[in-house]
Amino acid sequence: MLEDITVSVALVSRQRQVERERGDGWVQTGETKIVELDLQGVNLTNADGSGKTVPVVEFDVCIDVADMDIVDANGNSVGAEGRPTRGWERHTLVNHDWENDPANGWRVSTSETLEKQPCEASD
């Protein structure tokens, strides 16, 4: 399932995270919501080392995790006390299957947490 949305570093990182958390009996409850999404760049002519076209798109995403928690096997929260409920992440998406599937071949290749002020609440 992770292979459907991630590749490269993002895939390996998420697989390790899932293995570790499931091994500890942890599960996520609730939802992570996207509050704001800012396009940072698009390169549809990017080529990999073999000359194959691999387009790249980069987004900054402000997420809200106020309704999400990670709980242990006993249902106790393992989240840090006082954690911020909003924050920014940068996601780089690539399409290694651009020539065959330009619309559906996009996968997250890298993600990083950004050190910047959280987005404002819109309610």
PDB file of N, CA and C in Angstrom:
ATOM      1  N   MET A   1       0.818  -1.182   0.000  1.00  0.00           N
ATOM      2  CA  MET A   1       0.000   0.000   0.000  1.00  0.00           C
ATOM      3  C   MET A   1       0.871   1.258   0.000  1.00  0.00           C
ATOM      4  N   LEU A   2       1.928   1.292   0.778  1.00  0.00           N
ATOM      5  CA  LEU A   2       2.825   2.441   0.759  1.00  0.00           C
ATOM      6  C   LEU A   2       3.438   2.645  -0.622  1.00  0.00           C
ATOM      7  N   GLU A   3       3.651   1.556  -1.349  1.00  0.00           N
ATOM      8  CA  GLU A   3       4.220   1.633  -2.698  1.00  0.00           C
ATOM      9  C   GLU A   3       3.298   2.362  -3.661  1.00  0.00           C
ATOM     10  N   ASP A   4       2.011   2.463  -3.314  1.00  0.00           N
ATOM     11  CA  ASP A   4       1.049   3.164  -4.167  1.00  0.00           C
ATOM     12  C   ASP A   4       1.179   4.678  -4.064  1.00  0.00           C
ATOM     13  N   ILE A   5       1.836   5.163  -3.008  1.00  0.00           N
ATOM     14  CA  ILE A   5       1.910   6.612  -2.816  1.00  0.00           C
ATOM     15  C   ILE A   5       3.325   7.141  -2.591  1.00  0.00           C
ATOM     16  N   THR A   6       4.288   6.250  -2.350  1.00  0.00           N
ATOM     17  CA  THR A   6       5.652   6.697  -2.078  1.00  0.00           C
ATOM     18  C   THR A   6       6.669   5.890  -2.876  1.00  0.00           C
ATOM     19  N   VAL A   7       7.859   6.475  -3.058  1.00  0.00           N
ATOM     20  CA  VAL A   7       9.006   5.813  -3.674  1.00  0.00           C
ATOM     21  C   VAL A   7      10.256   6.300  -2.959  1.00  0.00           C
ATOM     22  N   SER A   8      11.362   5.666  -3.242  1.00  0.00           N
ATOM     23  CA  SER A   8      12.668   6.170  -2.842  1.00  0.00           C
ATOM     24  C   SER A   8      12.788   6.320  -1.324  1.00  0.00           C
ATOM     25  N   VAL A   9      13.379   7.408  -0.908  1.00  0.00           N
ATOM     26  CA  VAL A   9      13.642   7.676   0.507  1.00  0.00           C
ATOM     27  C   VAL A   9      12.351   7.704   1.313  1.00  0.00           C
ATOM     28  N   ALA A  10      11.303   8.297   0.766  1.00  0.00           N
ATOM     29  CA  ALA A  10      10.030   8.379   1.479  1.00  0.00           C
ATOM     30  C   ALA A  10       9.458   6.989   1.742  1.00  0.00           C
ATOM     31  N   LEU A  11       9.568   6.086   0.779  1.00  0.00           N
ATOM     32  CA  LEU A  11       9.056   4.724   0.946  1.00  0.00           C
ATOM     33  C   LEU A  11       9.817   3.999   2.038  1.00  0.00           C
ATOM     34  N   VAL A  12      11.122   4.000   1.980  1.00  0.00           N
ATOM     35  CA  VAL A  12      11.941   3.298   2.974  1.00  0.00           C
ATOM     36  C   VAL A  12      11.691   3.866   4.371  1.00  0.00           C
ATOM     37  N   SER A  13      11.640   5.183   4.477  1.00  0.00           N
ATOM     38  CA  SER A  13      11.420   5.838   5.760  1.00  0.00           C
ATOM     39  C   SER A  13      10.064   5.465   6.352  1.00  0.00           C
ATOM     40  N   ARG A  14       9.015   5.514   5.541  1.00  0.00           N
ATOM     41  CA  ARG A  14       7.671   5.172   6.025  1.00  0.00           C
ATOM     42  C   ARG A  14       7.566   3.684   6.373  1.00  0.00           C
ATOM     43  N   GLN A  15       8.190   2.815   5.584  1.00  0.00           N
ATOM     44  CA  GLN A  15       8.155   1.387   5.898  1.00  0.00           C
ATOM     45  C   GLN A  15       8.795   1.118   7.259  1.00  0.00           C
ATOM     46  N   ARG A  16       9.932   1.739   7.516  1.00  0.00           N
ATOM     47  CA  ARG A  16      10.604   1.559   8.806  1.00  0.00           C
ATOM     48  C   ARG A  16       9.746   2.088   9.950  1.00  0.00           C
ATOM     49  N   GLN A  17       9.119   3.242   9.731  1.00  0.00           N
ATOM     50  CA  GLN A  17       8.268   3.832  10.758  1.00  0.00           C
ATOM     51  C   GLN A  17       7.089   2.909  11.075  1.00  0.00           C
ATOM     52  N   VAL A  18       6.428   2.400  10.041  1.00  0.00           N
ATOM     53  CA  VAL A  18       5.280   1.516  10.231  1.00  0.00           C
ATOM     54  C   VAL A  18       5.711   0.235  10.951  1.00  0.00           C
ATOM     55  N   GLU A  19       6.825  -0.364  10.546  1.00  0.00           N
ATOM     56  CA  GLU A  19       7.323  -1.582  11.205  1.00  0.00           C
ATOM     57  C   GLU A  19       7.581  -1.341  12.687  1.00  0.00           C
ATOM     58  N   ARG A  20       8.253  -0.229  12.978  1.00  0.00           N
ATOM     59  CA  ARG A  20       8.594   0.092  14.365  1.00  0.00           C
ATOM     60  C   ARG A  20       7.326   0.324  15.197  1.00  0.00           C
ATOM     61  N   GLU A  21       6.405   1.122  14.678  1.00  0.00           N
ATOM     62  CA  GLU A  21       5.201   1.456  15.429  1.00  0.00           C
ATOM     63  C   GLU A  21       4.283   0.247  15.585  1.00  0.00           C
ATOM     64  N   ARG A  22       4.110  -0.534  14.542  1.00  0.00           N
ATOM     65  CA  ARG A  22       3.280  -1.742  14.657  1.00  0.00           C
ATOM     66  C   ARG A  22       3.916  -2.752  15.600  1.00  0.00           C
ATOM     67  N   GLY A  23       5.245  -2.859  15.540  1.00  0.00           N
ATOM     68  CA  GLY A  23       5.956  -3.758  16.454  1.00  0.00           C
ATOM     69  C   GLY A  23       5.745  -3.372  17.906  1.00  0.00           C
ATOM     70  N   ASP A  24       5.571  -2.088  18.163  1.00  0.00           N
ATOM     71  CA  ASP A  24       5.309  -1.601  19.516  1.00  0.00           C
ATOM     72  C   ASP A  24       3.823  -1.615  19.853  1.00  0.00           C
ATOM     73  N   GLY A  25       2.983  -2.023  18.905  1.00  0.00           N
ATOM     74  CA  GLY A  25       1.545  -2.072  19.127  1.00  0.00           C
ATOM     75  C   GLY A  25       0.845  -0.728  18.983  1.00  0.00           C
ATOM     76  N   TRP A  26       1.504   0.210  18.342  1.00  0.00           N
ATOM     77  CA  TRP A  26       0.934   1.548  18.186  1.00  0.00           C
ATOM     78  C   TRP A  26       0.023   1.619  16.960  1.00  0.00           C
ATOM     79  N   VAL A  27      -1.028   2.428  17.071  1.00  0.00           N
ATOM     80  CA  VAL A  27      -1.922   2.695  15.955  1.00  0.00           C
ATOM     81  C   VAL A  27      -2.304   4.178  15.962  1.00  0.00           C
ATOM     82  N   GLN A  28      -2.641   4.663  14.781  1.00  0.00           N
ATOM     83  CA  GLN A  28      -3.097   6.053  14.672  1.00  0.00           C
ATOM     84  C   GLN A  28      -4.601   6.101  14.819  1.00  0.00           C
ATOM     85  N   THR A  29      -5.089   7.086  15.541  1.00  0.00           N
ATOM     86  CA  THR A  29      -6.516   7.348  15.635  1.00  0.00           C
ATOM     87  C   THR A  29      -6.771   8.742  15.060  1.00  0.00           C
ATOM     88  N   GLY A  30      -7.964   8.961  14.561  1.00  0.00           N
ATOM     89  CA  GLY A  30      -8.309  10.280  14.047  1.00  0.00           C
ATOM     90  C   GLY A  30      -7.679  10.557  12.697  1.00  0.00           C
ATOM     91  N   GLU A  31      -7.725  11.838  12.308  1.00  0.00           N
ATOM     92  CA  GLU A  31      -7.274  12.238  10.982  1.00  0.00           C
ATOM     93  C   GLU A  31      -6.244  13.354  11.034  1.00  0.00           C
ATOM     94  N   THR A  32      -5.382  13.356  10.044  1.00  0.00           N
ATOM     95  CA  THR A  32      -4.513  14.498   9.765  1.00  0.00           C
ATOM     96  C   THR A  32      -5.182  15.262   8.643  1.00  0.00           C
ATOM     97  N   LYS A  33      -5.338  16.563   8.822  1.00  0.00           N
ATOM     98  CA  LYS A  33      -6.017  17.384   7.818  1.00  0.00           C
ATOM     99  C   LYS A  33      -5.037  18.331   7.143  1.00  0.00           C
ATOM    100  N   ILE A  34      -5.219  18.515   5.847  1.00  0.00           N
ATOM    101  CA  ILE A  34      -4.449  19.514   5.108  1.00  0.00           C
ATOM    102  C   ILE A  34      -5.171  20.845   5.253  1.00  0.00           C
ATOM    103  N   VAL A  35      -4.463  21.838   5.793  1.00  0.00           N
ATOM    104  CA  VAL A  35      -5.041  23.157   6.016  1.00  0.00           C
ATOM    105  C   VAL A  35      -4.676  24.091   4.870  1.00  0.00           C
ATOM    106  N   GLU A  36      -3.450  23.974   4.399  1.00  0.00           N
ATOM    107  CA  GLU A  36      -2.973  24.849   3.326  1.00  0.00           C
ATOM    108  C   GLU A  36      -1.967  24.073   2.492  1.00  0.00           C
ATOM    109  N   LEU A  37      -1.973  24.334   1.192  1.00  0.00           N
ATOM    110  CA  LEU A  37      -1.064  23.659   0.285  1.00  0.00           C
ATOM    111  C   LEU A  37      -0.514  24.712  -0.669  1.00  0.00           C
ATOM    112  N   ASP A  38       0.804  24.894  -0.648  1.00  0.00           N
ATOM    113  CA  ASP A  38       1.454  25.894  -1.496  1.00  0.00           C
ATOM    114  C   ASP A  38       2.394  25.216  -2.478  1.00  0.00           C
ATOM    115  N   LEU A  39       2.136  25.393  -3.752  1.00  0.00           N
ATOM    116  CA  LEU A  39       3.000  24.865  -4.796  1.00  0.00           C
ATOM    117  C   LEU A  39       4.326  25.624  -4.777  1.00  0.00           C
ATOM    118  N   GLN A  40       5.440  24.896  -4.711  1.00  0.00           N
ATOM    119  CA  GLN A  40       6.763  25.514  -4.672  1.00  0.00           C
ATOM    120  C   GLN A  40       7.481  25.445  -6.017  1.00  0.00           C
ATOM    121  N   GLY A  41       7.185  24.406  -6.807  1.00  0.00           N
ATOM    122  CA  GLY A  41       7.864  24.296  -8.088  1.00  0.00           C
ATOM    123  C   GLY A  41       7.384  23.113  -8.903  1.00  0.00           C
ATOM    124  N   VAL A  42       7.539  23.237 -10.220  1.00  0.00           N
ATOM    125  CA  VAL A  42       7.166  22.183 -11.156  1.00  0.00           C
ATOM    126  C   VAL A  42       8.257  22.092 -12.207  1.00  0.00           C
ATOM    127  N   ASN A  43       8.727  20.870 -12.473  1.00  0.00           N
ATOM    128  CA  ASN A  43       9.689  20.647 -13.549  1.00  0.00           C
ATOM    129  C   ASN A  43       9.238  19.396 -14.307  1.00  0.00           C
ATOM    130  N   LEU A  44       8.555  19.616 -15.431  1.00  0.00           N
ATOM    131  CA  LEU A  44       8.037  18.498 -16.216  1.00  0.00           C
ATOM    132  C   LEU A  44       9.050  17.946 -17.199  1.00  0.00           C
ATOM    133  N   THR A  45      10.221  18.559 -17.285  1.00  0.00           N
ATOM    134  CA  THR A  45      11.245  18.089 -18.219  1.00  0.00           C
ATOM    135  C   THR A  45      12.442  17.473 -17.505  1.00  0.00           C
ATOM    136  N   ASN A  46      12.347  17.279 -16.192  1.00  0.00           N
ATOM    137  CA  ASN A  46      13.431  16.678 -15.424  1.00  0.00           C
ATOM    138  C   ASN A  46      13.750  15.289 -15.974  1.00  0.00           C
ATOM    139  N   ALA A  47      15.020  14.965 -16.056  1.00  0.00           N
ATOM    140  CA  ALA A  47      15.441  13.652 -16.547  1.00  0.00           C
ATOM    141  C   ALA A  47      16.277  12.948 -15.485  1.00  0.00           C
ATOM    142  N   ASP A  48      16.133  11.616 -15.420  1.00  0.00           N
ATOM    143  CA  ASP A  48      16.964  10.840 -14.500  1.00  0.00           C
ATOM    144  C   ASP A  48      18.312  10.546 -15.158  1.00  0.00           C
ATOM    145  N   GLY A  49      19.147   9.771 -14.511  1.00  0.00           N
ATOM    146  CA  GLY A  49      20.490   9.481 -15.013  1.00  0.00           C
ATOM    147  C   GLY A  49      20.525   8.790 -16.355  1.00  0.00           C
ATOM    148  N   SER A  50      19.443   8.079 -16.704  1.00  0.00           N
ATOM    149  CA  SER A  50      19.412   7.369 -17.988  1.00  0.00           C
ATOM    150  C   SER A  50      18.786   8.208 -19.103  1.00  0.00           C
ATOM    151  N   GLY A  51      18.378   9.429 -18.776  1.00  0.00           N
ATOM    152  CA  GLY A  51      17.757  10.297 -19.765  1.00  0.00           C
ATOM    153  C   GLY A  51      16.247  10.171 -19.840  1.00  0.00           C
ATOM    154  N   LYS A  52      15.670   9.307 -19.028  1.00  0.00           N
ATOM    155  CA  LYS A  52      14.220   9.130 -18.985  1.00  0.00           C
ATOM    156  C   LYS A  52      13.590  10.346 -18.292  1.00  0.00           C
ATOM    157  N   THR A  53      12.476  10.846 -18.820  1.00  0.00           N
ATOM    158  CA  THR A  53      11.781  11.989 -18.226  1.00  0.00           C
ATOM    159  C   THR A  53      11.104  11.568 -16.923  1.00  0.00           C
ATOM    160  N   VAL A  54      11.449  12.267 -15.837  1.00  0.00           N
ATOM    161  CA  VAL A  54      10.868  12.027 -14.521  1.00  0.00           C
ATOM    162  C   VAL A  54      10.491  13.395 -13.935  1.00  0.00           C
ATOM    163  N   PRO A  55       9.266  13.867 -14.216  1.00  0.00           N
ATOM    164  CA  PRO A  55       8.847  15.161 -13.714  1.00  0.00           C
ATOM    165  C   PRO A  55       8.848  15.218 -12.183  1.00  0.00           C
ATOM    166  N   VAL A  56       9.040  16.438 -11.673  1.00  0.00           N
ATOM    167  CA  VAL A  56       9.103  16.678 -10.232  1.00  0.00           C
ATOM    168  C   VAL A  56       8.184  17.847  -9.897  1.00  0.00           C
ATOM    169  N   VAL A  57       7.408  17.694  -8.816  1.00  0.00           N
ATOM    170  CA  VAL A  57       6.566  18.762  -8.290  1.00  0.00           C
ATOM    171  C   VAL A  57       6.829  18.841  -6.797  1.00  0.00           C
ATOM    172  N   GLU A  58       6.940  20.070  -6.289  1.00  0.00           N
ATOM    173  CA  GLU A  58       7.237  20.257  -4.873  1.00  0.00           C
ATOM    174  C   GLU A  58       6.156  21.134  -4.233  1.00  0.00           C
ATOM    175  N   PHE A  59       5.622  20.655  -3.083  1.00  0.00           N
ATOM    176  CA  PHE A  59       4.579  21.353  -2.344  1.00  0.00           C
ATOM    177  C   PHE A  59       5.006  21.575  -0.907  1.00  0.00           C
ATOM    178  N   ASP A  60       4.617  22.711  -0.337  1.00  0.00           N
ATOM    179  CA  ASP A  60       4.655  22.896   1.103  1.00  0.00           C
ATOM    180  C   ASP A  60       3.223  22.707   1.582  1.00  0.00           C
ATOM    181  N   VAL A  61       3.054  21.867   2.606  1.00  0.00           N
ATOM    182  CA  VAL A  61       1.735  21.521   3.106  1.00  0.00           C
ATOM    183  C   VAL A  61       1.674  21.828   4.593  1.00  0.00           C
ATOM    184  N   CYS A  62       0.661  22.611   4.982  1.00  0.00           N
ATOM    185  CA  CYS A  62       0.432  22.840   6.405  1.00  0.00           C
ATOM    186  C   CYS A  62      -0.612  21.822   6.852  1.00  0.00           C
ATOM    187  N   ILE A  63      -0.245  21.015   7.841  1.00  0.00           N
ATOM    188  CA  ILE A  63      -1.144  19.972   8.330  1.00  0.00           C
ATOM    189  C   ILE A  63      -1.630  20.302   9.734  1.00  0.00           C
ATOM    190  N   ASP A  64      -2.809  19.777  10.043  1.00  0.00           N
ATOM    191  CA  ASP A  64      -3.414  19.929  11.361  1.00  0.00           C
ATOM    192  C   ASP A  64      -3.601  18.530  11.931  1.00  0.00           C
ATOM    193  N   VAL A  65      -2.987  18.269  13.076  1.00  0.00           N
ATOM    194  CA  VAL A  65      -3.073  16.953  13.709  1.00  0.00           C
ATOM    195  C   VAL A  65      -3.846  17.004  15.033  1.00  0.00           C
ATOM    196  N   ALA A  66      -4.656  18.057  15.212  1.00  0.00           N
ATOM    197  CA  ALA A  66      -5.408  18.214  16.467  1.00  0.00           C
ATOM    198  C   ALA A  66      -6.352  17.040  16.719  1.00  0.00           C
ATOM    199  N   ASP A  67      -6.903  16.441  15.650  1.00  0.00           N
ATOM    200  CA  ASP A  67      -7.842  15.325  15.792  1.00  0.00           C
ATOM    201  C   ASP A  67      -7.179  13.964  15.630  1.00  0.00           C
ATOM    202  N   MET A  68      -5.841  13.927  15.606  1.00  0.00           N
ATOM    203  CA  MET A  68      -5.103  12.689  15.405  1.00  0.00           C
ATOM    204  C   MET A  68      -4.241  12.394  16.631  1.00  0.00           C
ATOM    205  N   ASP A  69      -4.101  11.117  16.926  1.00  0.00           N
ATOM    206  CA  ASP A  69      -3.215  10.701  18.008  1.00  0.00           C
ATOM    207  C   ASP A  69      -2.607   9.353  17.640  1.00  0.00           C
ATOM    208  N   ILE A  70      -1.512   9.023  18.275  1.00  0.00           N
ATOM    209  CA  ILE A  70      -0.914   7.691  18.188  1.00  0.00           C
ATOM    210  C   ILE A  70      -1.084   7.078  19.570  1.00  0.00           C
ATOM    211  N   VAL A  71      -1.679   5.885  19.605  1.00  0.00           N
ATOM    212  CA  VAL A  71      -1.926   5.226  20.893  1.00  0.00           C
ATOM    213  C   VAL A  71      -1.244   3.868  20.923  1.00  0.00           C
ATOM    214  N   ASP A  72      -0.896   3.440  22.139  1.00  0.00           N
ATOM    215  CA  ASP A  72      -0.266   2.125  22.306  1.00  0.00           C
ATOM    216  C   ASP A  72      -1.332   1.039  22.355  1.00  0.00           C
ATOM    217  N   ALA A  73      -0.917  -0.199  22.572  1.00  0.00           N
ATOM    218  CA  ALA A  73      -1.827  -1.342  22.567  1.00  0.00           C
ATOM    219  C   ALA A  73      -2.903  -1.231  23.641  1.00  0.00           C
ATOM    220  N   ASN A  74      -2.647  -0.439  24.685  1.00  0.00           N
ATOM    221  CA  ASN A  74      -3.625  -0.248  25.756  1.00  0.00           C
ATOM    222  C   ASN A  74      -4.523   0.962  25.525  1.00  0.00           C
ATOM    223  N   GLY A  75      -4.335   1.661  24.409  1.00  0.00           N
ATOM    224  CA  GLY A  75      -5.140   2.826  24.103  1.00  0.00           C
ATOM    225  C   GLY A  75      -4.627   4.120  24.707  1.00  0.00           C
ATOM    226  N   ASN A  76      -3.404   4.079  25.279  1.00  0.00           N
ATOM    227  CA  ASN A  76      -2.816   5.274  25.873  1.00  0.00           C
ATOM    228  C   ASN A  76      -2.030   6.055  24.833  1.00  0.00           C
ATOM    229  N   SER A  77      -2.191   7.367  24.848  1.00  0.00           N
ATOM    230  CA  SER A  77      -1.482   8.216  23.903  1.00  0.00           C
ATOM    231  C   SER A  77       0.023   8.112  24.111  1.00  0.00           C
ATOM    232  N   VAL A  78       0.756   8.032  22.995  1.00  0.00           N
ATOM    233  CA  VAL A  78       2.217   8.054  23.061  1.00  0.00           C
ATOM    234  C   VAL A  78       2.752   9.350  22.475  1.00  0.00           C
ATOM    235  N   GLY A  79       1.829  10.257  22.120  1.00  0.00           N
ATOM    236  CA  GLY A  79       2.223  11.560  21.576  1.00  0.00           C
ATOM    237  C   GLY A  79       2.841  12.424  22.665  1.00  0.00           C
ATOM    238  N   ALA A  80       3.720  13.299  22.243  1.00  0.00           N
ATOM    239  CA  ALA A  80       4.383  14.201  23.182  1.00  0.00           C
ATOM    240  C   ALA A  80       3.371  15.182  23.775  1.00  0.00           C
ATOM    241  N   GLU A  81       3.437  15.355  25.069  1.00  0.00           N
ATOM    242  CA  GLU A  81       2.573  16.313  25.763  1.00  0.00           C
ATOM    243  C   GLU A  81       2.833  17.722  25.235  1.00  0.00           C
ATOM    244  N   GLY A  82       1.781  18.448  24.897  1.00  0.00           N
ATOM    245  CA  GLY A  82       1.925  19.821  24.429  1.00  0.00           C
ATOM    246  C   GLY A  82       2.444  19.951  23.010  1.00  0.00           C
ATOM    247  N   ARG A  83       2.381  18.879  22.225  1.00  0.00           N
ATOM    248  CA  ARG A  83       2.870  18.931  20.844  1.00  0.00           C
ATOM    249  C   ARG A  83       2.098  19.971  20.045  1.00  0.00           C
ATOM    250  N   PRO A  84       2.754  20.600  19.089  1.00  0.00           N
ATOM    251  CA  PRO A  84       2.031  21.533  18.214  1.00  0.00           C
ATOM    252  C   PRO A  84       0.986  20.772  17.401  1.00  0.00           C
ATOM    253  N   THR A  85      -0.145  21.396  17.149  1.00  0.00           N
ATOM    254  CA  THR A  85      -1.195  20.727  16.383  1.00  0.00           C
ATOM    255  C   THR A  85      -1.140  21.071  14.896  1.00  0.00           C
ATOM    256  N   ARG A  86      -0.336  22.080  14.540  1.00  0.00           N
ATOM    257  CA  ARG A  86      -0.176  22.447  13.129  1.00  0.00           C
ATOM    258  C   ARG A  86       1.297  22.614  12.804  1.00  0.00           C
ATOM    259  N   GLY A  87       1.646  22.281  11.574  1.00  0.00           N
ATOM    260  CA  GLY A  87       3.019  22.454  11.142  1.00  0.00           C
ATOM    261  C   GLY A  87       3.135  22.268   9.642  1.00  0.00           C
ATOM    262  N   TRP A  88       4.278  22.692   9.119  1.00  0.00           N
ATOM    263  CA  TRP A  88       4.541  22.634   7.683  1.00  0.00           C
ATOM    264  C   TRP A  88       5.464  21.473   7.333  1.00  0.00           C
ATOM    265  N   GLU A  89       5.163  20.843   6.206  1.00  0.00           N
ATOM    266  CA  GLU A  89       6.022  19.814   5.635  1.00  0.00           C
ATOM    267  C   GLU A  89       6.227  20.130   4.164  1.00  0.00           C
ATOM    268  N   ARG A  90       7.380  19.766   3.632  1.00  0.00           N
ATOM    269  CA  ARG A  90       7.642  19.889   2.193  1.00  0.00           C
ATOM    270  C   ARG A  90       7.660  18.482   1.605  1.00  0.00           C
ATOM    271  N   HIS A  91       6.853  18.281   0.566  1.00  0.00           N
ATOM    272  CA  HIS A  91       6.767  16.992  -0.112  1.00  0.00           C
ATOM    273  C   HIS A  91       7.194  17.165  -1.565  1.00  0.00           C
ATOM    274  N   THR A  92       8.100  16.310  -1.996  1.00  0.00           N
ATOM    275  CA  THR A  92       8.520  16.276  -3.380  1.00  0.00           C
ATOM    276  C   THR A  92       7.888  15.047  -4.028  1.00  0.00           C
ATOM    277  N   LEU A  93       7.164  15.265  -5.114  1.00  0.00           N
ATOM    278  CA  LEU A  93       6.515  14.187  -5.849  1.00  0.00           C
ATOM    279  C   LEU A  93       7.214  13.999  -7.183  1.00  0.00           C
ATOM    280  N   VAL A  94       7.346  12.744  -7.585  1.00  0.00           N
ATOM    281  CA  VAL A  94       7.953  12.407  -8.874  1.00  0.00           C
ATOM    282  C   VAL A  94       7.031  11.450  -9.618  1.00  0.00           C
ATOM    283  N   ASN A  95       7.217  11.389 -10.936  1.00  0.00           N
ATOM    284  CA  ASN A  95       6.439  10.455 -11.736  1.00  0.00           C
ATOM    285  C   ASN A  95       7.398   9.672 -12.634  1.00  0.00           C
ATOM    286  N   HIS A  96       7.807   8.489 -12.144  1.00  0.00           N
ATOM    287  CA  HIS A  96       8.720   7.632 -12.897  1.00  0.00           C
ATOM    288  C   HIS A  96       8.023   6.936 -14.068  1.00  0.00           C
ATOM    289  N   ASP A  97       6.695   7.037 -14.120  1.00  0.00           N
ATOM    290  CA  ASP A  97       5.930   6.405 -15.195  1.00  0.00           C
ATOM    291  C   ASP A  97       5.234   7.464 -16.057  1.00  0.00           C
ATOM    292  N   TRP A  98       5.859   8.615 -16.177  1.00  0.00           N
ATOM    293  CA  TRP A  98       5.302   9.771 -16.887  1.00  0.00           C
ATOM    294  C   TRP A  98       4.853   9.434 -18.307  1.00  0.00           C
ATOM    295  N   GLU A  99       5.667   8.694 -19.032  1.00  0.00           N
ATOM    296  CA  GLU A  99       5.342   8.411 -20.427  1.00  0.00           C
ATOM    297  C   GLU A  99       4.137   7.490 -20.574  1.00  0.00           C
ATOM    298  N   ASN A 100       3.917   6.578 -19.618  1.00  0.00           N
ATOM    299  CA  ASN A 100       2.796   5.639 -19.683  1.00  0.00           C
ATOM    300  C   ASN A 100       1.587   6.078 -18.868  1.00  0.00           C
ATOM    301  N   ASP A 101       1.823   6.819 -17.778  1.00  0.00           N
ATOM    302  CA  ASP A 101       0.735   7.170 -16.871  1.00  0.00           C
ATOM    303  C   ASP A 101       0.965   8.560 -16.276  1.00  0.00           C
ATOM    304  N   PRO A 102       0.839   9.601 -17.088  1.00  0.00           N
ATOM    305  CA  PRO A 102       1.142  10.951 -16.610  1.00  0.00           C
ATOM    306  C   PRO A 102       0.213  11.437 -15.500  1.00  0.00           C
ATOM    307  N   ALA A 103      -1.004  10.942 -15.446  1.00  0.00           N
ATOM    308  CA  ALA A 103      -1.942  11.416 -14.433  1.00  0.00           C
ATOM    309  C   ALA A 103      -1.838  10.663 -13.113  1.00  0.00           C
ATOM    310  N   ASN A 104      -1.576   9.367 -13.165  1.00  0.00           N
ATOM    311  CA  ASN A 104      -1.656   8.543 -11.953  1.00  0.00           C
ATOM    312  C   ASN A 104      -0.330   7.992 -11.454  1.00  0.00           C
ATOM    313  N   GLY A 105       0.771   8.350 -12.086  1.00  0.00           N
ATOM    314  CA  GLY A 105       2.062   7.794 -11.700  1.00  0.00           C
ATOM    315  C   GLY A 105       2.798   8.564 -10.617  1.00  0.00           C
ATOM    316  N   TRP A 106       2.182   9.579 -10.041  1.00  0.00           N
ATOM    317  CA  TRP A 106       2.857  10.437  -9.058  1.00  0.00           C
ATOM    318  C   TRP A 106       3.024   9.733  -7.719  1.00  0.00           C
ATOM    319  N   ARG A 107       4.234   9.865  -7.137  1.00  0.00           N
ATOM    320  CA  ARG A 107       4.553   9.290  -5.825  1.00  0.00           C
ATOM    321  C   ARG A 107       5.387  10.294  -5.038  1.00  0.00           C
ATOM    322  N   VAL A 108       5.223  10.296  -3.721  1.00  0.00           N
ATOM    323  CA  VAL A 108       6.055  11.138  -2.853  1.00  0.00           C
ATOM    324  C   VAL A 108       7.435  10.494  -2.778  1.00  0.00           C
ATOM    325  N   SER A 109       8.465  11.279  -3.094  1.00  0.00           N
ATOM    326  CA  SER A 109       9.827  10.733  -3.042  1.00  0.00           C
ATOM    327  C   SER A 109      10.584  11.216  -1.811  1.00  0.00           C
ATOM    328  N   THR A 110      10.298  12.420  -1.341  1.00  0.00           N
ATOM    329  CA  THR A 110      10.910  12.919  -0.107  1.00  0.00           C
ATOM    330  C   THR A 110       9.901  13.773   0.646  1.00  0.00           C
ATOM    331  N   SER A 111      10.069  13.805   1.950  1.00  0.00           N
ATOM    332  CA  SER A 111       9.261  14.651   2.834  1.00  0.00           C
ATOM    333  C   SER A 111      10.171  15.169   3.917  1.00  0.00           C
ATOM    334  N   GLU A 112       9.945  16.409   4.298  1.00  0.00           N
ATOM    335  CA  GLU A 112      10.713  16.965   5.407  1.00  0.00           C
ATOM    336  C   GLU A 112       9.856  17.943   6.188  1.00  0.00           C
ATOM    337  N   THR A 113      10.091  18.004   7.482  1.00  0.00           N
ATOM    338  CA  THR A 113       9.414  18.973   8.328  1.00  0.00           C
ATOM    339  C   THR A 113      10.115  20.307   8.180  1.00  0.00           C
ATOM    340  N   LEU A 114       9.323  21.364   8.001  1.00  0.00           N
ATOM    341  CA  LEU A 114       9.881  22.698   7.823  1.00  0.00           C
ATOM    342  C   LEU A 114       9.812  23.480   9.136  1.00  0.00           C
ATOM    343  N   GLU A 115      10.830  24.239   9.403  1.00  0.00           N
ATOM    344  CA  GLU A 115      10.866  25.083  10.596  1.00  0.00           C
ATOM    345  C   GLU A 115      10.330  26.461  10.224  1.00  0.00           C
ATOM    346  N   LYS A 116       8.995  26.586  10.242  1.00  0.00           N
ATOM    347  CA  LYS A 116       8.385  27.885   9.995  1.00  0.00           C
ATOM    348  C   LYS A 116       7.073  27.956  10.761  1.00  0.00           C
ATOM    349  N   GLN A 117       6.557  29.138  10.911  1.00  0.00           N
ATOM    350  CA  GLN A 117       5.331  29.340  11.677  1.00  0.00           C
ATOM    351  C   GLN A 117       4.193  28.527  11.102  1.00  0.00           C
ATOM    352  N   PRO A 118       3.392  27.879  11.967  1.00  0.00           N
ATOM    353  CA  PRO A 118       2.240  27.118  11.469  1.00  0.00           C
ATOM    354  C   PRO A 118       1.237  28.034  10.774  1.00  0.00           C
ATOM    355  N   CYS A 119       0.450  27.464   9.883  1.00  0.00           N
ATOM    356  CA  CYS A 119      -0.574  28.234   9.194  1.00  0.00           C
ATOM    357  C   CYS A 119      -1.660  28.616  10.200  1.00  0.00           C
ATOM    358  N   GLU A 120      -2.419  29.619   9.846  1.00  0.00           N
ATOM    359  CA  GLU A 120      -3.479  30.115  10.715  1.00  0.00           C
ATOM    360  C   GLU A 120      -4.746  29.284  10.559  1.00  0.00           C
ATOM    361  N   ALA A 121      -5.527  29.242  11.619  1.00  0.00           N
ATOM    362  CA  ALA A 121      -6.820  28.575  11.561  1.00  0.00           C
ATOM    363  C   ALA A 121      -7.765  29.385  10.678  1.00  0.00           C
ATOM    364  N   SER A 122      -8.555  28.701   9.884  1.00  0.00           N
ATOM    365  CA  SER A 122      -9.464  29.408   8.984  1.00  0.00           C
ATOM    366  C   SER A 122     -10.886  29.464   9.521  1.00  0.00           C
ATOM    367  N   ASP A 123     -11.136  28.937  10.722  1.00  0.00           N
ATOM    368  CA  ASP A 123     -12.508  28.954  11.246  1.00  0.00           C
ATOM    369  C   ASP A 123     -12.777  30.123  12.133  1.00  0.00           C
TER     370      ASP A 123
END
